[in-house]
PDB file of N, CA and C in Angstrom:
ATOM      1  N   MET A   1       9.692  38.861  33.639  1.00  0.00           N
ATOM      2  CA  MET A   1       9.136  40.164  33.929  1.00  0.00           C
ATOM      3  C   MET A   1      10.235  41.222  33.916  1.00  0.00           C
ATOM      4  N   TYR A   2      11.377  40.916  34.475  1.00  0.00           N
ATOM      5  CA  TYR A   2      12.463  41.897  34.556  1.00  0.00           C
ATOM      6  C   TYR A   2      12.800  42.463  33.186  1.00  0.00           C
ATOM      7  N   HIS A   3      12.985  41.590  32.221  1.00  0.00           N
ATOM      8  CA  HIS A   3      13.417  42.033  30.894  1.00  0.00           C
ATOM      9  C   HIS A   3      12.341  42.845  30.180  1.00  0.00           C
ATOM     10  N   ARG A   4      11.082  42.559  30.446  1.00  0.00           N
ATOM     11  CA  ARG A   4       9.992  43.283  29.789  1.00  0.00           C
ATOM     12  C   ARG A   4       9.769  44.668  30.372  1.00  0.00           C
ATOM     13  N   PHE A   5      10.006  44.857  31.650  1.00  0.00           N
ATOM     14  CA  PHE A   5       9.633  46.109  32.315  1.00  0.00           C
ATOM     15  C   PHE A   5      10.805  46.875  32.922  1.00  0.00           C
ATOM     16  N   LYS A   6      12.019  46.401  32.737  1.00  0.00           N
ATOM     17  CA  LYS A   6      13.176  46.982  33.417  1.00  0.00           C
ATOM     18  C   LYS A   6      13.379  48.461  33.119  1.00  0.00           C
ATOM     19  N   ASP A   7      13.016  48.924  31.945  1.00  0.00           N
ATOM     20  CA  ASP A   7      13.255  50.324  31.586  1.00  0.00           C
ATOM     21  C   ASP A   7      12.052  51.236  31.807  1.00  0.00           C
ATOM     22  N   ALA A   8      10.992  50.708  32.391  1.00  0.00           N
ATOM     23  CA  ALA A   8       9.836  51.542  32.730  1.00  0.00           C
ATOM     24  C   ALA A   8      10.158  52.337  33.990  1.00  0.00           C
ATOM     25  N   ARG A   9       9.685  53.563  34.046  1.00  0.00           N
ATOM     26  CA  ARG A   9       9.902  54.389  35.237  1.00  0.00           C
ATOM     27  C   ARG A   9       8.682  54.292  36.144  1.00  0.00           C
ATOM     28  N   VAL A  10       8.921  54.123  37.443  1.00  0.00           N
ATOM     29  CA  VAL A  10       7.832  53.982  38.416  1.00  0.00           C
ATOM     30  C   VAL A  10       7.997  54.996  39.534  1.00  0.00           C
ATOM     31  N   LYS A  11       6.865  55.423  40.061  1.00  0.00           N
ATOM     32  CA  LYS A  11       6.864  56.393  41.158  1.00  0.00           C
ATOM     33  C   LYS A  11       7.068  55.671  42.480  1.00  0.00           C
ATOM     34  N   ILE A  12       8.023  56.151  43.282  1.00  0.00           N
ATOM     35  CA  ILE A  12       8.265  55.559  44.604  1.00  0.00           C
ATOM     36  C   ILE A  12       8.021  56.567  45.722  1.00  0.00           C
ATOM     37  N   GLY A  13       7.566  57.762  45.379  1.00  0.00           N
ATOM     38  CA  GLY A  13       7.282  58.767  46.396  1.00  0.00           C
ATOM     39  C   GLY A  13       7.286  60.164  45.814  1.00  0.00           C
ATOM     40  N   GLU A  14       7.341  61.135  46.724  1.00  0.00           N
ATOM     41  CA  GLU A  14       7.397  62.541  46.342  1.00  0.00           C
ATOM     42  C   GLU A  14       8.444  63.235  47.179  1.00  0.00           C
ATOM     43  N   ASP A  15       9.036  64.278  46.608  1.00  0.00           N
ATOM     44  CA  ASP A  15      10.014  65.046  47.375  1.00  0.00           C
ATOM     45  C   ASP A  15       9.290  66.081  48.239  1.00  0.00           C
ATOM     46  N   ASP A  16      10.023  66.903  48.955  1.00  0.00           N
ATOM     47  CA  ASP A  16       9.431  67.875  49.866  1.00  0.00           C
ATOM     48  C   ASP A  16       8.588  68.929  49.161  1.00  0.00           C
ATOM     49  N   ASP A  17       8.811  69.116  47.862  1.00  0.00           N
ATOM     50  CA  ASP A  17       8.038  70.091  47.092  1.00  0.00           C
ATOM     51  C   ASP A  17       6.855  69.463  46.363  1.00  0.00           C
ATOM     52  N   GLY A  18       6.624  68.180  46.577  1.00  0.00           N
ATOM     53  CA  GLY A  18       5.488  67.497  45.966  1.00  0.00           C
ATOM     54  C   GLY A  18       5.752  66.930  44.587  1.00  0.00           C
ATOM     55  N   TYR A  19       7.004  66.986  44.124  1.00  0.00           N
ATOM     56  CA  TYR A  19       7.337  66.412  42.823  1.00  0.00           C
ATOM     57  C   TYR A  19       7.540  64.905  42.945  1.00  0.00           C
ATOM     58  N   LYS A  20       7.094  64.185  41.923  1.00  0.00           N
ATOM     59  CA  LYS A  20       7.220  62.727  41.916  1.00  0.00           C
ATOM     60  C   LYS A  20       8.682  62.311  41.893  1.00  0.00           C
ATOM     61  N   ILE A  21       8.991  61.266  42.658  1.00  0.00           N
ATOM     62  CA  ILE A  21      10.310  60.639  42.602  1.00  0.00           C
ATOM     63  C   ILE A  21      10.120  59.339  41.836  1.00  0.00           C
ATOM     64  N   LYS A  22      10.794  59.239  40.698  1.00  0.00           N
ATOM     65  CA  LYS A  22      10.654  58.058  39.852  1.00  0.00           C
ATOM     66  C   LYS A  22      12.009  57.401  39.643  1.00  0.00           C
ATOM     67  N   VAL A  23      11.990  56.081  39.558  1.00  0.00           N
ATOM     68  CA  VAL A  23      13.194  55.303  39.268  1.00  0.00           C
ATOM     69  C   VAL A  23      12.834  54.272  38.202  1.00  0.00           C
ATOM     70  N   TYR A  24      13.854  53.740  37.557  1.00  0.00           N
ATOM     71  CA  TYR A  24      13.607  52.654  36.621  1.00  0.00           C
ATOM     72  C   TYR A  24      13.224  51.401  37.409  1.00  0.00           C
ATOM     73  N   PHE A  25      12.270  50.652  36.860  1.00  0.00           N
ATOM     74  CA  PHE A  25      11.766  49.455  37.517  1.00  0.00           C
ATOM     75  C   PHE A  25      12.891  48.487  37.847  1.00  0.00           C
ATOM     76  N   LYS A  26      13.907  48.407  36.984  1.00  0.00           N
ATOM     77  CA  LYS A  26      15.027  47.492  37.238  1.00  0.00           C
ATOM     78  C   LYS A  26      15.743  47.847  38.536  1.00  0.00           C
ATOM     79  N   TYR A  27      15.852  49.144  38.849  1.00  0.00           N
ATOM     80  CA  TYR A  27      16.503  49.550  40.098  1.00  0.00           C
ATOM     81  C   TYR A  27      15.608  49.274  41.304  1.00  0.00           C
ATOM     82  N   TYR A  28      14.303  49.432  41.113  1.00  0.00           N
ATOM     83  CA  TYR A  28      13.387  49.130  42.214  1.00  0.00           C
ATOM     84  C   TYR A  28      13.415  47.634  42.536  1.00  0.00           C
ATOM     85  N   LEU A  29      13.428  46.792  41.513  1.00  0.00           N
ATOM     86  CA  LEU A  29      13.487  45.341  41.748  1.00  0.00           C
ATOM     87  C   LEU A  29      14.783  44.954  42.447  1.00  0.00           C
ATOM     88  N   GLU A  30      15.875  45.560  42.055  1.00  0.00           N
ATOM     89  CA  GLU A  30      17.160  45.297  42.715  1.00  0.00           C
ATOM     90  C   GLU A  30      17.100  45.725  44.189  1.00  0.00           C
ATOM     91  N   TYR A  31      16.482  46.877  44.428  1.00  0.00           N
ATOM     92  CA  TYR A  31      16.304  47.360  45.801  1.00  0.00           C
ATOM     93  C   TYR A  31      15.494  46.344  46.618  1.00  0.00           C
ATOM     94  N   LEU A  32      14.414  45.809  46.035  1.00  0.00           N
ATOM     95  CA  LEU A  32      13.587  44.832  46.754  1.00  0.00           C
ATOM     96  C   LEU A  32      14.377  43.599  47.160  1.00  0.00           C
ATOM     97  N   LEU A  33      15.272  43.173  46.302  1.00  0.00           N
ATOM     98  CA  LEU A  33      16.063  41.972  46.589  1.00  0.00           C
ATOM     99  C   LEU A  33      17.068  42.175  47.712  1.00  0.00           C
ATOM    100  N   HIS A  34      17.550  43.392  47.885  1.00  0.00           N
ATOM    101  CA  HIS A  34      18.660  43.624  48.808  1.00  0.00           C
ATOM    102  C   HIS A  34      18.355  44.565  49.968  1.00  0.00           C
ATOM    103  N   ASN A  35      17.149  45.089  50.040  1.00  0.00           N
ATOM    104  CA  ASN A  35      16.868  46.096  51.063  1.00  0.00           C
ATOM    105  C   ASN A  35      16.713  45.486  52.447  1.00  0.00           C
ATOM    106  N   LYS A  36      17.121  46.240  53.416  1.00  0.00           N
ATOM    107  CA  LYS A  36      16.961  45.860  54.822  1.00  0.00           C
ATOM    108  C   LYS A  36      16.449  47.063  55.610  1.00  0.00           C
ATOM    109  N   ASP A  37      15.740  47.951  54.911  1.00  0.00           N
ATOM    110  CA  ASP A  37      15.247  49.185  55.514  1.00  0.00           C
ATOM    111  C   ASP A  37      14.140  48.916  56.530  1.00  0.00           C
ATOM    112  N   ASP A  38      14.130  49.705  57.575  1.00  0.00           N
ATOM    113  CA  ASP A  38      13.031  49.635  58.544  1.00  0.00           C
ATOM    114  C   ASP A  38      11.734  50.147  57.928  1.00  0.00           C
ATOM    115  N   SER A  39      11.864  51.093  57.034  1.00  0.00           N
ATOM    116  CA  SER A  39      10.717  51.672  56.353  1.00  0.00           C
ATOM    117  C   SER A  39      10.992  51.604  54.843  1.00  0.00           C
ATOM    118  N   PRO A  40      10.683  50.469  54.207  1.00  0.00           N
ATOM    119  CA  PRO A  40      11.060  50.280  52.800  1.00  0.00           C
ATOM    120  C   PRO A  40      10.271  51.170  51.847  1.00  0.00           C
ATOM    121  N   LEU A  41      10.820  51.360  50.661  1.00  0.00           N
ATOM    122  CA  LEU A  41      10.161  52.120  49.611  1.00  0.00           C
ATOM    123  C   LEU A  41       9.058  51.273  48.985  1.00  0.00           C
ATOM    124  N   TYR A  42       7.983  51.919  48.590  1.00  0.00           N
ATOM    125  CA  TYR A  42       6.861  51.249  47.943  1.00  0.00           C
ATOM    126  C   TYR A  42       6.596  51.896  46.601  1.00  0.00           C
ATOM    127  N   LEU A  43       5.966  51.159  45.709  1.00  0.00           N
ATOM    128  CA  LEU A  43       5.519  51.739  44.454  1.00  0.00           C
ATOM    129  C   LEU A  43       4.225  52.499  44.697  1.00  0.00           C
ATOM    130  N   PHE A  44       4.102  53.650  44.080  1.00  0.00           N
ATOM    131  CA  PHE A  44       2.884  54.453  44.167  1.00  0.00           C
ATOM    132  C   PHE A  44       2.396  54.767  42.768  1.00  0.00           C
ATOM    133  N   GLU A  45       2.287  53.766  41.957  1.00  0.00           N
ATOM    134  CA  GLU A  45       1.885  53.944  40.566  1.00  0.00           C
ATOM    135  C   GLU A  45       0.365  53.872  40.516  1.00  0.00           C
ATOM    136  N   SER A  46      -0.294  54.994  40.826  1.00  0.00           N
ATOM    137  CA  SER A  46      -1.752  55.010  40.974  1.00  0.00           C
ATOM    138  C   SER A  46      -2.496  54.896  39.651  1.00  0.00           C
ATOM    139  N   SER A  47      -1.887  55.255  38.553  1.00  0.00           N
ATOM    140  CA  SER A  47      -2.573  55.164  37.258  1.00  0.00           C
ATOM    141  C   SER A  47      -1.796  54.236  36.317  1.00  0.00           C
ATOM    142  N   ILE A  48      -1.538  53.039  36.798  1.00  0.00           N
ATOM    143  CA  ILE A  48      -0.744  52.073  36.032  1.00  0.00           C
ATOM    144  C   ILE A  48      -1.409  51.739  34.700  1.00  0.00           C
ATOM    145  N   GLU A  49      -2.740  51.791  34.670  1.00  0.00           N
ATOM    146  CA  GLU A  49      -3.438  51.471  33.419  1.00  0.00           C
ATOM    147  C   GLU A  49      -3.161  52.507  32.325  1.00  0.00           C
ATOM    148  N   ASN A  50      -2.687  53.694  32.699  1.00  0.00           N
ATOM    149  CA  ASN A  50      -2.350  54.730  31.721  1.00  0.00           C
ATOM    150  C   ASN A  50      -0.867  54.734  31.358  1.00  0.00           C
ATOM    151  N   ASN A  51      -0.072  53.903  32.019  1.00  0.00           N
ATOM    152  CA  ASN A  51       1.352  53.837  31.754  1.00  0.00           C
ATOM    153  C   ASN A  51       1.586  52.833  30.625  1.00  0.00           C
ATOM    154  N   LYS A  52       2.028  53.333  29.457  1.00  0.00           N
ATOM    155  CA  LYS A  52       2.152  52.460  28.287  1.00  0.00           C
ATOM    156  C   LYS A  52       3.133  51.320  28.496  1.00  0.00           C
ATOM    157  N   TYR A  53       4.052  51.462  29.426  1.00  0.00           N
ATOM    158  CA  TYR A  53       5.038  50.416  29.679  1.00  0.00           C
ATOM    159  C   TYR A  53       4.563  49.403  30.716  1.00  0.00           C
ATOM    160  N   LEU A  54       3.811  49.857  31.702  1.00  0.00           N
ATOM    161  CA  LEU A  54       3.470  48.983  32.827  1.00  0.00           C
ATOM    162  C   LEU A  54       2.066  48.388  32.784  1.00  0.00           C
ATOM    163  N   LYS A  55       1.201  48.871  31.908  1.00  0.00           N
ATOM    164  CA  LYS A  55      -0.179  48.376  31.920  1.00  0.00           C
ATOM    165  C   LYS A  55      -0.263  46.869  31.655  1.00  0.00           C
ATOM    166  N   ASP A  56       0.748  46.307  31.003  1.00  0.00           N
ATOM    167  CA  ASP A  56       0.755  44.861  30.767  1.00  0.00           C
ATOM    168  C   ASP A  56       1.015  44.058  32.035  1.00  0.00           C
ATOM    169  N   LEU A  57       1.392  44.731  33.116  1.00  0.00           N
ATOM    170  CA  LEU A  57       1.591  44.056  34.403  1.00  0.00           C
ATOM    171  C   LEU A  57       0.263  43.740  35.094  1.00  0.00           C
ATOM    172  N   ILE A  58      -0.790  44.457  34.769  1.00  0.00           N
ATOM    173  CA  ILE A  58      -2.074  44.324  35.476  1.00  0.00           C
ATOM    174  C   ILE A  58      -2.578  42.881  35.482  1.00  0.00           C
ATOM    175  N   PRO A  59      -2.637  42.200  34.343  1.00  0.00           N
ATOM    176  CA  PRO A  59      -3.138  40.812  34.371  1.00  0.00           C
ATOM    177  C   PRO A  59      -2.231  39.855  35.154  1.00  0.00           C
ATOM    178  N   GLU A  60      -0.982  40.221  35.335  1.00  0.00           N
ATOM    179  CA  GLU A  60      -0.041  39.352  36.037  1.00  0.00           C
ATOM    180  C   GLU A  60      -0.090  39.536  37.553  1.00  0.00           C
ATOM    181  N   TYR A  61      -0.768  40.589  38.009  1.00  0.00           N
ATOM    182  CA  TYR A  61      -0.813  40.869  39.445  1.00  0.00           C
ATOM    183  C   TYR A  61      -1.808  39.954  40.134  1.00  0.00           C
ATOM    184  N   GLU A  62      -1.420  39.443  41.274  1.00  0.00           N
ATOM    185  CA  GLU A  62      -2.318  38.637  42.101  1.00  0.00           C
ATOM    186  C   GLU A  62      -2.240  39.162  43.520  1.00  0.00           C
ATOM    187  N   VAL A  63      -3.399  39.379  44.125  1.00  0.00           N
ATOM    188  CA  VAL A  63      -3.436  39.858  45.498  1.00  0.00           C
ATOM    189  C   VAL A  63      -2.812  38.792  46.398  1.00  0.00           C
ATOM    190  N   PRO A  64      -1.866  39.186  47.262  1.00  0.00           N
ATOM    191  CA  PRO A  64      -1.258  38.204  48.168  1.00  0.00           C
ATOM    192  C   PRO A  64      -2.303  37.521  49.051  1.00  0.00           C
ATOM    193  N   LYS A  65      -2.066  36.278  49.385  1.00  0.00           N
ATOM    194  CA  LYS A  65      -3.067  35.486  50.117  1.00  0.00           C
ATOM    195  C   LYS A  65      -3.478  36.130  51.435  1.00  0.00           C
ATOM    196  N   TYR A  66      -2.605  36.896  52.048  1.00  0.00           N
ATOM    197  CA  TYR A  66      -2.926  37.522  53.328  1.00  0.00           C
ATOM    198  C   TYR A  66      -3.858  38.724  53.183  1.00  0.00           C
ATOM    199  N   PHE A  67      -4.069  39.187  51.964  1.00  0.00           N
ATOM    200  CA  PHE A  67      -4.889  40.375  51.746  1.00  0.00           C
ATOM    201  C   PHE A  67      -6.090  40.114  50.838  1.00  0.00           C
ATOM    202  N   LYS A  68      -6.427  38.862  50.626  1.00  0.00           N
ATOM    203  CA  LYS A  68      -7.531  38.533  49.722  1.00  0.00           C
ATOM    204  C   LYS A  68      -8.887  38.938  50.284  1.00  0.00           C
ATOM    205  N   GLU A  69      -9.043  38.941  51.593  1.00  0.00           N
ATOM    206  CA  GLU A  69     -10.313  39.322  52.196  1.00  0.00           C
ATOM    207  C   GLU A  69     -10.500  40.832  52.084  1.00  0.00           C
ATOM    208  N   ASP A  70     -11.689  41.257  51.662  1.00  0.00           N
ATOM    209  CA  ASP A  70     -11.984  42.674  51.506  1.00  0.00           C
ATOM    210  C   ASP A  70     -12.415  43.241  52.855  1.00  0.00           C
ATOM    211  N   LEU A  71     -11.458  43.809  53.590  1.00  0.00           N
ATOM    212  CA  LEU A  71     -11.749  44.344  54.924  1.00  0.00           C
ATOM    213  C   LEU A  71     -12.573  45.617  54.874  1.00  0.00           C
ATOM    214  N   PHE A  72     -12.587  46.323  53.753  1.00  0.00           N
ATOM    215  CA  PHE A  72     -13.410  47.523  53.639  1.00  0.00           C
ATOM    216  C   PHE A  72     -14.886  47.170  53.708  1.00  0.00           C
ATOM    217  N   SER A  73     -15.252  45.964  53.339  1.00  0.00           N
ATOM    218  CA  SER A  73     -16.669  45.558  53.403  1.00  0.00           C
ATOM    219  C   SER A  73     -17.150  45.483  54.851  1.00  0.00           C
ATOM    220  N   LEU A  74     -16.241  45.360  55.812  1.00  0.00           N
ATOM    221  CA  LEU A  74     -16.624  45.292  57.222  1.00  0.00           C
ATOM    222  C   LEU A  74     -16.881  46.675  57.822  1.00  0.00           C
ATOM    223  N   VAL A  75     -16.460  47.709  57.145  1.00  0.00           N
ATOM    224  CA  VAL A  75     -16.600  49.075  57.654  1.00  0.00           C
ATOM    225  C   VAL A  75     -17.996  49.626  57.465  1.00  0.00           C
ATOM    226  N   ILE A  76     -18.721  49.128  56.511  1.00  0.00           N
ATOM    227  CA  ILE A  76     -20.048  49.660  56.158  1.00  0.00           C
ATOM    228  C   ILE A  76     -21.040  49.490  57.262  1.00  0.00           C
TER     229      ILE A  76
END
């Protein structure tokens, strides 16, 4: 996965003026391996299906076992 997507840019937040903060996926993966932040950075790639570099990640994604239950169905 690293070699296929390392040069794709991903959104990790917004600055104080509302502009997207983007980094290369390779730097985000490196951050994940070494981070010890109390409040870690997350990906906010809301339209991944429109990203020509990252849309191939969609079939590879699997919901983590701790989040497989649809808790929104309990709100109705």
